[in-house]
Amino acid sequence: MNAMLPFFSASRRSQNQYATLHTSGLSDISVGGDFWIRSPKSLKASTNNVKVGLGLLFPTGADHQQNNVVVNYGGPVTIQSPDYSVQPGIGAWAGIFSAQAFQNLGNQTIAYCSGT
């Protein structure tokens, strides 16, 4: 079983933008579980194995934070929303699927892959 209660802090500035926009706060919470396809106790598990996971993402993070910024030097203060890539939340429920796998290739070499 696993659970994540992440805190997020980010900033972003476009090349054509005068101000840097900031976001921070509690991000989206996730809970889930992982299991190995082959029992870790088996002899073959030291040679290769696959772990898969399923989880749920709760929309607990703010997905539309805004900043008071000056767009031009000496200009008025305006309200802008930072890009979605730096928002703490996605604003939606989501299912999470993850997988990890490894294969011992011999000669002290192991191939590994992971994805979510």
PDB file of N, CA and C in Angstrom:
ATOM      1  N   MET A   1       0.845  -1.179   0.000  1.00  0.00           N
ATOM      2  CA  MET A   1       0.000   0.000   0.000  1.00  0.00           C
ATOM      3  C   MET A   1       0.892   1.246   0.000  1.00  0.00           C
ATOM      4  N   ASN A   2       0.382   2.294  -0.606  1.00  0.00           N
ATOM      5  CA  ASN A   2       1.123   3.546  -0.593  1.00  0.00           C
ATOM      6  C   ASN A   2       0.161   4.722  -0.551  1.00  0.00           C
ATOM      7  N   ALA A   3       0.630   5.836  -0.052  1.00  0.00           N
ATOM      8  CA  ALA A   3      -0.143   7.075  -0.008  1.00  0.00           C
ATOM      9  C   ALA A   3       0.827   8.237  -0.149  1.00  0.00           C
ATOM     10  N   MET A   4       0.390   9.265  -0.848  1.00  0.00           N
ATOM     11  CA  MET A   4       1.224  10.461  -1.011  1.00  0.00           C
ATOM     12  C   MET A   4       0.414  11.683  -0.614  1.00  0.00           C
ATOM     13  N   LEU A   5       0.995  12.505   0.236  1.00  0.00           N
ATOM     14  CA  LEU A   5       0.415  13.769   0.676  1.00  0.00           C
ATOM     15  C   LEU A   5       1.442  14.853   0.334  1.00  0.00           C
ATOM     16  N   PRO A   6       1.529  15.227  -0.944  1.00  0.00           N
ATOM     17  CA  PRO A   6       2.622  16.100  -1.389  1.00  0.00           C
ATOM     18  C   PRO A   6       2.344  17.589  -1.198  1.00  0.00           C
ATOM     19  N   PHE A   7       3.402  18.333  -0.927  1.00  0.00           N
ATOM     20  CA  PHE A   7       3.361  19.793  -0.916  1.00  0.00           C
ATOM     21  C   PHE A   7       4.091  20.265  -2.169  1.00  0.00           C
ATOM     22  N   PHE A   8       3.563  21.281  -2.816  1.00  0.00           N
ATOM     23  CA  PHE A   8       4.048  21.719  -4.117  1.00  0.00           C
ATOM     24  C   PHE A   8       4.424  23.196  -4.050  1.00  0.00           C
ATOM     25  N   SER A   9       5.526  23.546  -4.645  1.00  0.00           N
ATOM     26  CA  SER A   9       5.936  24.941  -4.768  1.00  0.00           C
ATOM     27  C   SER A   9       6.647  25.091  -6.105  1.00  0.00           C
ATOM     28  N   ALA A  10       6.188  26.036  -6.921  1.00  0.00           N
ATOM     29  CA  ALA A  10       6.779  26.187  -8.256  1.00  0.00           C
ATOM     30  C   ALA A  10       6.664  27.637  -8.726  1.00  0.00           C
ATOM     31  N   SER A  11       7.460  27.965  -9.717  1.00  0.00           N
ATOM     32  CA  SER A  11       7.361  29.271 -10.365  1.00  0.00           C
ATOM     33  C   SER A  11       7.658  29.092 -11.848  1.00  0.00           C
ATOM     34  N   ARG A  12       7.116  30.003 -12.626  1.00  0.00           N
ATOM     35  CA  ARG A  12       7.323  29.914 -14.073  1.00  0.00           C
ATOM     36  C   ARG A  12       7.288  31.309 -14.672  1.00  0.00           C
ATOM     37  N   ARG A  13       8.143  31.482 -15.637  1.00  0.00           N
ATOM     38  CA  ARG A  13       8.186  32.753 -16.353  1.00  0.00           C
ATOM     39  C   ARG A  13       8.413  32.465 -17.821  1.00  0.00           C
ATOM     40  N   SER A  14       7.524  32.946 -18.648  1.00  0.00           N
ATOM     41  CA  SER A  14       7.681  32.805 -20.089  1.00  0.00           C
ATOM     42  C   SER A  14       8.709  33.813 -20.574  1.00  0.00           C
ATOM     43  N   GLN A  15       9.316  33.548 -21.707  1.00  0.00           N
ATOM     44  CA  GLN A  15      10.346  34.444 -22.235  1.00  0.00           C
ATOM     45  C   GLN A  15       9.799  35.829 -22.565  1.00  0.00           C
ATOM     46  N   ASN A  16       8.539  35.882 -22.973  1.00  0.00           N
ATOM     47  CA  ASN A  16       7.966  37.171 -23.355  1.00  0.00           C
ATOM     48  C   ASN A  16       7.195  37.821 -22.205  1.00  0.00           C
ATOM     49  N   GLN A  17       7.397  37.354 -20.970  1.00  0.00           N
ATOM     50  CA  GLN A  17       6.647  37.849 -19.830  1.00  0.00           C
ATOM     51  C   GLN A  17       7.565  38.585 -18.861  1.00  0.00           C
ATOM     52  N   TYR A  18       7.096  39.701 -18.339  1.00  0.00           N
ATOM     53  CA  TYR A  18       7.889  40.506 -17.411  1.00  0.00           C
ATOM     54  C   TYR A  18       7.918  39.875 -16.017  1.00  0.00           C
ATOM     55  N   ALA A  19       6.790  39.342 -15.560  1.00  0.00           N
ATOM     56  CA  ALA A  19       6.670  38.834 -14.190  1.00  0.00           C
ATOM     57  C   ALA A  19       6.859  37.319 -14.117  1.00  0.00           C
ATOM     58  N   THR A  20       7.341  36.858 -12.963  1.00  0.00           N
ATOM     59  CA  THR A  20       7.420  35.431 -12.671  1.00  0.00           C
ATOM     60  C   THR A  20       6.191  35.068 -11.851  1.00  0.00           C
ATOM     61  N   LEU A  21       5.478  34.018 -12.249  1.00  0.00           N
ATOM     62  CA  LEU A  21       4.275  33.585 -11.549  1.00  0.00           C
ATOM     63  C   LEU A  21       4.613  32.437 -10.615  1.00  0.00           C
ATOM     64  N   HIS A  22       4.012  32.424  -9.424  1.00  0.00           N
ATOM     65  CA  HIS A  22       4.310  31.440  -8.391  1.00  0.00           C
ATOM     66  C   HIS A  22       3.047  30.694  -7.958  1.00  0.00           C
ATOM     67  N   THR A  23       3.213  29.430  -7.576  1.00  0.00           N
ATOM     68  CA  THR A  23       2.139  28.649  -6.969  1.00  0.00           C
ATOM     69  C   THR A  23       2.734  27.814  -5.845  1.00  0.00           C
ATOM     70  N   SER A  24       1.892  27.460  -4.877  1.00  0.00           N
ATOM     71  CA  SER A  24       2.330  26.577  -3.803  1.00  0.00           C
ATOM     72  C   SER A  24       1.114  26.082  -3.043  1.00  0.00           C
ATOM     73  N   GLY A  25       1.307  25.003  -2.294  1.00  0.00           N
ATOM     74  CA  GLY A  25       0.240  24.464  -1.461  1.00  0.00           C
ATOM     75  C   GLY A  25       0.183  22.959  -1.541  1.00  0.00           C
ATOM     76  N   LEU A  26      -0.808  22.416  -0.862  1.00  0.00           N
ATOM     77  CA  LEU A  26      -1.049  20.978  -0.891  1.00  0.00           C
ATOM     78  C   LEU A  26      -1.400  20.560  -2.311  1.00  0.00           C
ATOM     79  N   SER A  27      -0.768  19.521  -2.790  1.00  0.00           N
ATOM     80  CA  SER A  27      -1.046  19.023  -4.135  1.00  0.00           C
ATOM     81  C   SER A  27      -2.088  17.913  -4.047  1.00  0.00           C
ATOM     82  N   ASP A  28      -2.349  17.228  -5.157  1.00  0.00           N
ATOM     83  CA  ASP A  28      -3.336  16.158  -5.184  1.00  0.00           C
ATOM     84  C   ASP A  28      -2.843  14.954  -4.388  1.00  0.00           C
ATOM     85  N   ILE A  29      -3.712  14.412  -3.546  1.00  0.00           N
ATOM     86  CA  ILE A  29      -3.396  13.245  -2.719  1.00  0.00           C
ATOM     87  C   ILE A  29      -3.679  11.982  -3.518  1.00  0.00           C
ATOM     88  N   SER A  30      -2.819  10.978  -3.371  1.00  0.00           N
ATOM     89  CA  SER A  30      -3.062   9.699  -4.044  1.00  0.00           C
ATOM     90  C   SER A  30      -2.871   8.550  -3.056  1.00  0.00           C
ATOM     91  N   VAL A  31      -3.646   7.494  -3.272  1.00  0.00           N
ATOM     92  CA  VAL A  31      -3.515   6.254  -2.500  1.00  0.00           C
ATOM     93  C   VAL A  31      -3.562   5.094  -3.479  1.00  0.00           C
ATOM     94  N   GLY A  32      -2.905   4.009  -3.150  1.00  0.00           N
ATOM     95  CA  GLY A  32      -2.909   2.866  -4.057  1.00  0.00           C
ATOM     96  C   GLY A  32      -2.179   1.677  -3.468  1.00  0.00           C
ATOM     97  N   GLY A  33      -2.034   0.688  -4.301  1.00  0.00           N
ATOM     98  CA  GLY A  33      -1.339  -0.520  -3.894  1.00  0.00           C
ATOM     99  C   GLY A  33      -0.533  -1.092  -5.046  1.00  0.00           C
ATOM    100  N   ASP A  34       0.576  -1.743  -4.727  1.00  0.00           N
ATOM    101  CA  ASP A  34       1.454  -2.381  -5.703  1.00  0.00           C
ATOM    102  C   ASP A  34       1.587  -3.856  -5.354  1.00  0.00           C
ATOM    103  N   PHE A  35       1.807  -4.675  -6.373  1.00  0.00           N
ATOM    104  CA  PHE A  35       2.106  -6.083  -6.087  1.00  0.00           C
ATOM    105  C   PHE A  35       3.025  -6.632  -7.161  1.00  0.00           C
ATOM    106  N   TRP A  36       3.892  -7.565  -6.734  1.00  0.00           N
ATOM    107  CA  TRP A  36       4.821  -8.222  -7.642  1.00  0.00           C
ATOM    108  C   TRP A  36       4.088  -9.367  -8.336  1.00  0.00           C
ATOM    109  N   ILE A  37       4.293  -9.529  -9.620  1.00  0.00           N
ATOM    110  CA  ILE A  37       3.689 -10.631 -10.381  1.00  0.00           C
ATOM    111  C   ILE A  37       4.274 -11.959  -9.897  1.00  0.00           C
ATOM    112  N   ARG A  38       5.572 -12.016  -9.759  1.00  0.00           N
ATOM    113  CA  ARG A  38       6.246 -13.210  -9.261  1.00  0.00           C
ATOM    114  C   ARG A  38       6.610 -12.965  -7.792  1.00  0.00           C
ATOM    115  N   SER A  39       6.367 -13.935  -6.943  1.00  0.00           N
ATOM    116  CA  SER A  39       6.685 -13.793  -5.520  1.00  0.00           C
ATOM    117  C   SER A  39       8.162 -13.455  -5.345  1.00  0.00           C
ATOM    118  N   PRO A  40       8.483 -12.419  -4.565  1.00  0.00           N
ATOM    119  CA  PRO A  40       9.890 -12.074  -4.334  1.00  0.00           C
ATOM    120  C   PRO A  40      10.683 -13.205  -3.673  1.00  0.00           C
ATOM    121  N   LYS A  41      10.000 -14.162  -3.073  1.00  0.00           N
ATOM    122  CA  LYS A  41      10.678 -15.288  -2.428  1.00  0.00           C
ATOM    123  C   LYS A  41      11.122 -16.364  -3.423  1.00  0.00           C
ATOM    124  N   SER A  42      10.565 -16.341  -4.646  1.00  0.00           N
ATOM    125  CA  SER A  42      10.921 -17.375  -5.621  1.00  0.00           C
ATOM    126  C   SER A  42      12.330 -17.153  -6.161  1.00  0.00           C
ATOM    127  N   LEU A  43      12.955 -18.220  -6.606  1.00  0.00           N
ATOM    128  CA  LEU A  43      14.318 -18.133  -7.142  1.00  0.00           C
ATOM    129  C   LEU A  43      14.375 -17.281  -8.409  1.00  0.00           C
ATOM    130  N   LYS A  44      13.371 -17.400  -9.276  1.00  0.00           N
ATOM    131  CA  LYS A  44      13.383 -16.652 -10.539  1.00  0.00           C
ATOM    132  C   LYS A  44      13.170 -15.151 -10.329  1.00  0.00           C
ATOM    133  N   ALA A  45      12.619 -14.757  -9.169  1.00  0.00           N
ATOM    134  CA  ALA A  45      12.374 -13.336  -8.912  1.00  0.00           C
ATOM    135  C   ALA A  45      13.672 -12.542  -8.846  1.00  0.00           C
ATOM    136  N   SER A  46      14.784 -13.174  -8.552  1.00  0.00           N
ATOM    137  CA  SER A  46      16.056 -12.450  -8.538  1.00  0.00           C
ATOM    138  C   SER A  46      16.598 -12.239  -9.947  1.00  0.00           C
ATOM    139  N   THR A  47      16.027 -12.946 -10.920  1.00  0.00           N
ATOM    140  CA  THR A  47      16.449 -12.809 -12.312  1.00  0.00           C
ATOM    141  C   THR A  47      15.592 -11.791 -13.063  1.00  0.00           C
ATOM    142  N   ASN A  48      14.281 -11.867 -12.865  1.00  0.00           N
ATOM    143  CA  ASN A  48      13.376 -10.918 -13.501  1.00  0.00           C
ATOM    144  C   ASN A  48      12.054 -10.890 -12.745  1.00  0.00           C
ATOM    145  N   ASN A  49      11.376  -9.760 -12.801  1.00  0.00           N
ATOM    146  CA  ASN A  49      10.081  -9.630 -12.146  1.00  0.00           C
ATOM    147  C   ASN A  49       9.399  -8.365 -12.641  1.00  0.00           C
ATOM    148  N   VAL A  50       8.093  -8.293 -12.408  1.00  0.00           N
ATOM    149  CA  VAL A  50       7.291  -7.143 -12.796  1.00  0.00           C
ATOM    150  C   VAL A  50       6.417  -6.770 -11.610  1.00  0.00           C
ATOM    151  N   LYS A  51       6.352  -5.477 -11.315  1.00  0.00           N
ATOM    152  CA  LYS A  51       5.471  -4.980 -10.263  1.00  0.00           C
ATOM    153  C   LYS A  51       4.446  -4.061 -10.909  1.00  0.00           C
ATOM    154  N   VAL A  52       3.170  -4.262 -10.608  1.00  0.00           N
ATOM    155  CA  VAL A  52       2.113  -3.397 -11.125  1.00  0.00           C
ATOM    156  C   VAL A  52       1.389  -2.747  -9.954  1.00  0.00           C
ATOM    157  N   GLY A  53       0.825  -1.597 -10.213  1.00  0.00           N
ATOM    158  CA  GLY A  53       0.125  -0.870  -9.172  1.00  0.00           C
ATOM    159  C   GLY A  53      -1.115  -0.186  -9.695  1.00  0.00           C
ATOM    160  N   LEU A  54      -2.087  -0.058  -8.831  1.00  0.00           N
ATOM    161  CA  LEU A  54      -3.321   0.671  -9.121  1.00  0.00           C
ATOM    162  C   LEU A  54      -3.559   1.665  -7.999  1.00  0.00           C
ATOM    163  N   GLY A  55      -4.076   2.827  -8.344  1.00  0.00           N
ATOM    164  CA  GLY A  55      -4.317   3.830  -7.321  1.00  0.00           C
ATOM    165  C   GLY A  55      -5.392   4.809  -7.737  1.00  0.00           C
ATOM    166  N   LEU A  56      -5.670   5.736  -6.848  1.00  0.00           N
ATOM    167  CA  LEU A  56      -6.685   6.759  -7.068  1.00  0.00           C
ATOM    168  C   LEU A  56      -6.104   8.110  -6.664  1.00  0.00           C
ATOM    169  N   LEU A  57      -6.317   9.116  -7.512  1.00  0.00           N
ATOM    170  CA  LEU A  57      -5.853  10.474  -7.261  1.00  0.00           C
ATOM    171  C   LEU A  57      -7.052  11.324  -6.867  1.00  0.00           C
ATOM    172  N   PHE A  58      -6.963  11.980  -5.706  1.00  0.00           N
ATOM    173  CA  PHE A  58      -8.032  12.842  -5.214  1.00  0.00           C
ATOM    174  C   PHE A  58      -7.717  14.291  -5.573  1.00  0.00           C
ATOM    175  N   PRO A  59      -8.670  15.056  -6.084  1.00  0.00           N
ATOM    176  CA  PRO A  59      -8.400  16.438  -6.517  1.00  0.00           C
ATOM    177  C   PRO A  59      -8.353  17.408  -5.334  1.00  0.00           C
ATOM    178  N   THR A  60      -7.346  17.269  -4.478  1.00  0.00           N
ATOM    179  CA  THR A  60      -7.236  18.102  -3.285  1.00  0.00           C
ATOM    180  C   THR A  60      -6.407  19.365  -3.505  1.00  0.00           C
ATOM    181  N   GLY A  61      -5.610  19.406  -4.552  1.00  0.00           N
ATOM    182  CA  GLY A  61      -4.767  20.572  -4.826  1.00  0.00           C
ATOM    183  C   GLY A  61      -5.509  21.621  -5.625  1.00  0.00           C
ATOM    184  N   ALA A  62      -5.174  22.877  -5.379  1.00  0.00           N
ATOM    185  CA  ALA A  62      -5.780  23.984  -6.137  1.00  0.00           C
ATOM    186  C   ALA A  62      -5.348  23.888  -7.599  1.00  0.00           C
ATOM    187  N   ASP A  63      -6.305  24.001  -8.507  1.00  0.00           N
ATOM    188  CA  ASP A  63      -5.973  23.898  -9.930  1.00  0.00           C
ATOM    189  C   ASP A  63      -6.103  25.229 -10.662  1.00  0.00           C
ATOM    190  N   HIS A  64      -6.360  26.307  -9.916  1.00  0.00           N
ATOM    191  CA  HIS A  64      -6.513  27.602 -10.576  1.00  0.00           C
ATOM    192  C   HIS A  64      -6.035  28.730  -9.657  1.00  0.00           C
ATOM    193  N   GLN A  65      -4.792  28.624  -9.160  1.00  0.00           N
ATOM    194  CA  GLN A  65      -4.245  29.710  -8.347  1.00  0.00           C
ATOM    195  C   GLN A  65      -3.972  30.909  -9.237  1.00  0.00           C
ATOM    196  N   GLN A  66      -4.019  32.100  -8.650  1.00  0.00           N
ATOM    197  CA  GLN A  66      -3.787  33.319  -9.402  1.00  0.00           C
ATOM    198  C   GLN A  66      -2.757  34.183  -8.680  1.00  0.00           C
ATOM    199  N   ASN A  67      -2.099  35.040  -9.439  1.00  0.00           N
ATOM    200  CA  ASN A  67      -1.094  35.964  -8.898  1.00  0.00           C
ATOM    201  C   ASN A  67      -1.457  37.391  -9.268  1.00  0.00           C
ATOM    202  N   ASN A  68      -1.136  38.335  -8.366  1.00  0.00           N
ATOM    203  CA  ASN A  68      -1.204  39.754  -8.690  1.00  0.00           C
ATOM    204  C   ASN A  68       0.159  40.127  -9.250  1.00  0.00           C
ATOM    205  N   VAL A  69       0.197  40.559 -10.495  1.00  0.00           N
ATOM    206  CA  VAL A  69       1.474  40.839 -11.144  1.00  0.00           C
ATOM    207  C   VAL A  69       1.428  42.156 -11.902  1.00  0.00           C
ATOM    208  N   VAL A  70       2.621  42.695 -12.133  1.00  0.00           N
ATOM    209  CA  VAL A  70       2.783  43.865 -12.996  1.00  0.00           C
ATOM    210  C   VAL A  70       3.216  43.320 -14.351  1.00  0.00           C
ATOM    211  N   VAL A  71       2.423  43.544 -15.379  1.00  0.00           N
ATOM    212  CA  VAL A  71       2.700  42.993 -16.704  1.00  0.00           C
ATOM    213  C   VAL A  71       3.854  43.725 -17.382  1.00  0.00           C
ATOM    214  N   ASN A  72       3.902  45.046 -17.246  1.00  0.00           N
ATOM    215  CA  ASN A  72       4.969  45.859 -17.829  1.00  0.00           C
ATOM    216  C   ASN A  72       5.616  46.692 -16.731  1.00  0.00           C
ATOM    217  N   TYR A  73       6.875  47.024 -16.889  1.00  0.00           N
ATOM    218  CA  TYR A  73       7.586  47.840 -15.912  1.00  0.00           C
ATOM    219  C   TYR A  73       6.819  49.142 -15.685  1.00  0.00           C
ATOM    220  N   GLY A  74       6.449  49.399 -14.424  1.00  0.00           N
ATOM    221  CA  GLY A  74       5.730  50.623 -14.085  1.00  0.00           C
ATOM    222  C   GLY A  74       4.249  50.572 -14.414  1.00  0.00           C
ATOM    223  N   GLY A  75       3.772  49.446 -14.923  1.00  0.00           N
ATOM    224  CA  GLY A  75       2.369  49.325 -15.314  1.00  0.00           C
ATOM    225  C   GLY A  75       1.472  48.968 -14.136  1.00  0.00           C
ATOM    226  N   PRO A  76       0.174  48.829 -14.411  1.00  0.00           N
ATOM    227  CA  PRO A  76      -0.780  48.503 -13.353  1.00  0.00           C
ATOM    228  C   PRO A  76      -0.681  47.027 -12.925  1.00  0.00           C
ATOM    229  N   VAL A  77      -1.166  46.755 -11.742  1.00  0.00           N
ATOM    230  CA  VAL A  77      -1.207  45.377 -11.229  1.00  0.00           C
ATOM    231  C   VAL A  77      -2.419  44.672 -11.830  1.00  0.00           C
ATOM    232  N   THR A  78      -2.213  43.466 -12.352  1.00  0.00           N
ATOM    233  CA  THR A  78      -3.305  42.670 -12.914  1.00  0.00           C
ATOM    234  C   THR A  78      -3.280  41.278 -12.280  1.00  0.00           C
ATOM    235  N   ILE A  79      -4.367  40.556 -12.441  1.00  0.00           N
ATOM    236  CA  ILE A  79      -4.460  39.185 -11.928  1.00  0.00           C
ATOM    237  C   ILE A  79      -4.226  38.222 -13.089  1.00  0.00           C
ATOM    238  N   GLN A  80      -3.279  37.282 -12.897  1.00  0.00           N
ATOM    239  CA  GLN A  80      -2.986  36.291 -13.931  1.00  0.00           C
ATOM    240  C   GLN A  80      -2.935  34.910 -13.303  1.00  0.00           C
ATOM    241  N   SER A  81      -3.309  33.924 -14.088  1.00  0.00           N
ATOM    242  CA  SER A  81      -3.204  32.527 -13.656  1.00  0.00           C
ATOM    243  C   SER A  81      -1.928  31.931 -14.221  1.00  0.00           C
ATOM    244  N   PRO A  82      -1.099  31.328 -13.374  1.00  0.00           N
ATOM    245  CA  PRO A  82       0.081  30.634 -13.891  1.00  0.00           C
ATOM    246  C   PRO A  82      -0.326  29.473 -14.786  1.00  0.00           C
ATOM    247  N   ASP A  83       0.573  29.042 -15.614  1.00  0.00           N
ATOM    248  CA  ASP A  83       0.355  27.923 -16.514  1.00  0.00           C
ATOM    249  C   ASP A  83      -0.060  26.676 -15.726  1.00  0.00           C
ATOM    250  N   TYR A  84      -0.876  25.824 -16.333  1.00  0.00           N
ATOM    251  CA  TYR A  84      -1.343  24.607 -15.658  1.00  0.00           C
ATOM    252  C   TYR A  84      -0.197  23.689 -15.237  1.00  0.00           C
ATOM    253  N   SER A  85       0.951  23.796 -15.874  1.00  0.00           N
ATOM    254  CA  SER A  85       2.076  22.927 -15.532  1.00  0.00           C
ATOM    255  C   SER A  85       2.668  23.247 -14.159  1.00  0.00           C
ATOM    256  N   VAL A  86       2.353  24.409 -13.592  1.00  0.00           N
ATOM    257  CA  VAL A  86       2.842  24.747 -12.257  1.00  0.00           C
ATOM    258  C   VAL A  86       1.703  24.917 -11.256  1.00  0.00           C
ATOM    259  N   GLN A  87       0.526  24.418 -11.568  1.00  0.00           N
ATOM    260  CA  GLN A  87      -0.581  24.427 -10.615  1.00  0.00           C
ATOM    261  C   GLN A  87      -0.449  23.205  -9.702  1.00  0.00           C
ATOM    262  N   PRO A  88      -0.739  23.323  -8.404  1.00  0.00           N
ATOM    263  CA  PRO A  88      -0.608  22.187  -7.485  1.00  0.00           C
ATOM    264  C   PRO A  88      -1.543  21.023  -7.783  1.00  0.00           C
ATOM    265  N   GLY A  89      -2.687  21.278  -8.383  1.00  0.00           N
ATOM    266  CA  GLY A  89      -3.640  20.205  -8.644  1.00  0.00           C
ATOM    267  C   GLY A  89      -4.067  20.150 -10.094  1.00  0.00           C
ATOM    268  N   ILE A  90      -4.725  19.024 -10.461  1.00  0.00           N
ATOM    269  CA  ILE A  90      -5.225  18.894 -11.833  1.00  0.00           C
ATOM    270  C   ILE A  90      -6.716  19.174 -11.923  1.00  0.00           C
ATOM    271  N   GLY A  91      -7.405  19.238 -10.768  1.00  0.00           N
ATOM    272  CA  GLY A  91      -8.819  19.576 -10.755  1.00  0.00           C
ATOM    273  C   GLY A  91      -9.738  18.439 -11.144  1.00  0.00           C
ATOM    274  N   ALA A  92      -9.283  17.207 -11.055  1.00  0.00           N
ATOM    275  CA  ALA A  92     -10.122  16.067 -11.449  1.00  0.00           C
ATOM    276  C   ALA A  92      -9.687  14.807 -10.704  1.00  0.00           C
ATOM    277  N   TRP A  93     -10.617  13.898 -10.553  1.00  0.00           N
ATOM    278  CA  TRP A  93     -10.293  12.567 -10.029  1.00  0.00           C
ATOM    279  C   TRP A  93      -9.555  11.817 -11.121  1.00  0.00           C
ATOM    280  N   ALA A  94      -8.682  10.898 -10.734  1.00  0.00           N
ATOM    281  CA  ALA A  94      -7.944  10.134 -11.744  1.00  0.00           C
ATOM    282  C   ALA A  94      -7.577   8.757 -11.207  1.00  0.00           C
ATOM    283  N   GLY A  95      -7.530   7.812 -12.114  1.00  0.00           N
ATOM    284  CA  GLY A  95      -7.011   6.489 -11.794  1.00  0.00           C
ATOM    285  C   GLY A  95      -5.541   6.452 -12.140  1.00  0.00           C
ATOM    286  N   ILE A  96      -4.771   5.719 -11.357  1.00  0.00           N
ATOM    287  CA  ILE A  96      -3.327   5.641 -11.572  1.00  0.00           C
ATOM    288  C   ILE A  96      -2.953   4.184 -11.825  1.00  0.00           C
ATOM    289  N   PHE A  97      -2.234   3.953 -12.904  1.00  0.00           N
ATOM    290  CA  PHE A  97      -1.680   2.631 -13.187  1.00  0.00           C
ATOM    291  C   PHE A  97      -0.175   2.788 -13.275  1.00  0.00           C
ATOM    292  N   SER A  98       0.548   1.907 -12.609  1.00  0.00           N
ATOM    293  CA  SER A  98       2.003   1.982 -12.672  1.00  0.00           C
ATOM    294  C   SER A  98       2.580   0.589 -12.890  1.00  0.00           C
ATOM    295  N   ALA A  99       3.768   0.546 -13.445  1.00  0.00           N
ATOM    296  CA  ALA A  99       4.459  -0.723 -13.667  1.00  0.00           C
ATOM    297  C   ALA A  99       5.960  -0.504 -13.587  1.00  0.00           C
ATOM    298  N   GLN A 100       6.636  -1.500 -13.030  1.00  0.00           N
ATOM    299  CA  GLN A 100       8.088  -1.528 -12.990  1.00  0.00           C
ATOM    300  C   GLN A 100       8.516  -2.939 -13.335  1.00  0.00           C
ATOM    301  N   ALA A 101       9.614  -3.053 -14.042  1.00  0.00           N
ATOM    302  CA  ALA A 101      10.106  -4.383 -14.417  1.00  0.00           C
ATOM    303  C   ALA A 101      11.629  -4.357 -14.479  1.00  0.00           C
ATOM    304  N   PHE A 102      12.227  -5.528 -14.216  1.00  0.00           N
ATOM    305  CA  PHE A 102      13.665  -5.648 -14.353  1.00  0.00           C
ATOM    306  C   PHE A 102      14.016  -7.021 -14.903  1.00  0.00           C
ATOM    307  N   GLN A 103      15.151  -7.073 -15.561  1.00  0.00           N
ATOM    308  CA  GLN A 103      15.672  -8.323 -16.130  1.00  0.00           C
ATOM    309  C   GLN A 103      17.178  -8.325 -15.914  1.00  0.00           C
ATOM    310  N   ASN A 104      17.672  -9.364 -15.263  1.00  0.00           N
ATOM    311  CA  ASN A 104      19.105  -9.523 -15.067  1.00  0.00           C
ATOM    312  C   ASN A 104      19.697 -10.021 -16.387  1.00  0.00           C
ATOM    313  N   LEU A 105      20.611  -9.265 -16.968  1.00  0.00           N
ATOM    314  CA  LEU A 105      21.224  -9.614 -18.251  1.00  0.00           C
ATOM    315  C   LEU A 105      22.558 -10.323 -18.075  1.00  0.00           C
ATOM    316  N   GLY A 106      22.993 -10.492 -16.831  1.00  0.00           N
ATOM    317  CA  GLY A 106      24.296 -11.108 -16.576  1.00  0.00           C
ATOM    318  C   GLY A 106      25.407 -10.083 -16.668  1.00  0.00           C
ATOM    319  N   ASN A 107      26.603 -10.488 -16.338  1.00  0.00           N
ATOM    320  CA  ASN A 107      27.758  -9.586 -16.389  1.00  0.00           C
ATOM    321  C   ASN A 107      27.537  -8.314 -15.572  1.00  0.00           C
ATOM    322  N   GLN A 108      26.888  -8.438 -14.439  1.00  0.00           N
ATOM    323  CA  GLN A 108      26.575  -7.312 -13.557  1.00  0.00           C
ATOM    324  C   GLN A 108      25.771  -6.216 -14.259  1.00  0.00           C
ATOM    325  N   THR A 109      24.867  -6.614 -15.175  1.00  0.00           N
ATOM    326  CA  THR A 109      24.034  -5.679 -15.901  1.00  0.00           C
ATOM    327  C   THR A 109      22.569  -6.048 -15.718  1.00  0.00           C
ATOM    328  N   ILE A 110      21.758  -5.035 -15.388  1.00  0.00           N
ATOM    329  CA  ILE A 110      20.324  -5.244 -15.202  1.00  0.00           C
ATOM    330  C   ILE A 110      19.572  -4.203 -16.027  1.00  0.00           C
ATOM    331  N   ALA A 111      18.596  -4.664 -16.805  1.00  0.00           N
ATOM    332  CA  ALA A 111      17.716  -3.757 -17.545  1.00  0.00           C
ATOM    333  C   ALA A 111      16.517  -3.459 -16.646  1.00  0.00           C
ATOM    334  N   TYR A 112      16.113  -2.197 -16.595  1.00  0.00           N
ATOM    335  CA  TYR A 112      15.037  -1.762 -15.713  1.00  0.00           C
ATOM    336  C   TYR A 112      14.170  -0.761 -16.447  1.00  0.00           C
ATOM    337  N   CYS A 113      12.847  -0.844 -16.247  1.00  0.00           N
ATOM    338  CA  CYS A 113      11.956   0.179 -16.787  1.00  0.00           C
ATOM    339  C   CYS A 113      10.848   0.455 -15.784  1.00  0.00           C
ATOM    340  N   SER A 114      10.326   1.651 -15.846  1.00  0.00           N
ATOM    341  CA  SER A 114       9.291   2.088 -14.918  1.00  0.00           C
ATOM    342  C   SER A 114       8.374   3.074 -15.626  1.00  0.00           C
ATOM    343  N   GLY A 115       7.087   3.027 -15.309  1.00  0.00           N
ATOM    344  CA  GLY A 115       6.155   3.951 -15.924  1.00  0.00           C
ATOM    345  C   GLY A 115       4.913   4.116 -15.081  1.00  0.00           C
ATOM    346  N   THR A 116       4.280   5.289 -15.197  1.00  0.00           N
ATOM    347  CA  THR A 116       3.041   5.585 -14.479  1.00  0.00           C
ATOM    348  C   THR A 116       2.052   6.193 -15.447  1.00  0.00           C
TER     349      THR A 116
END
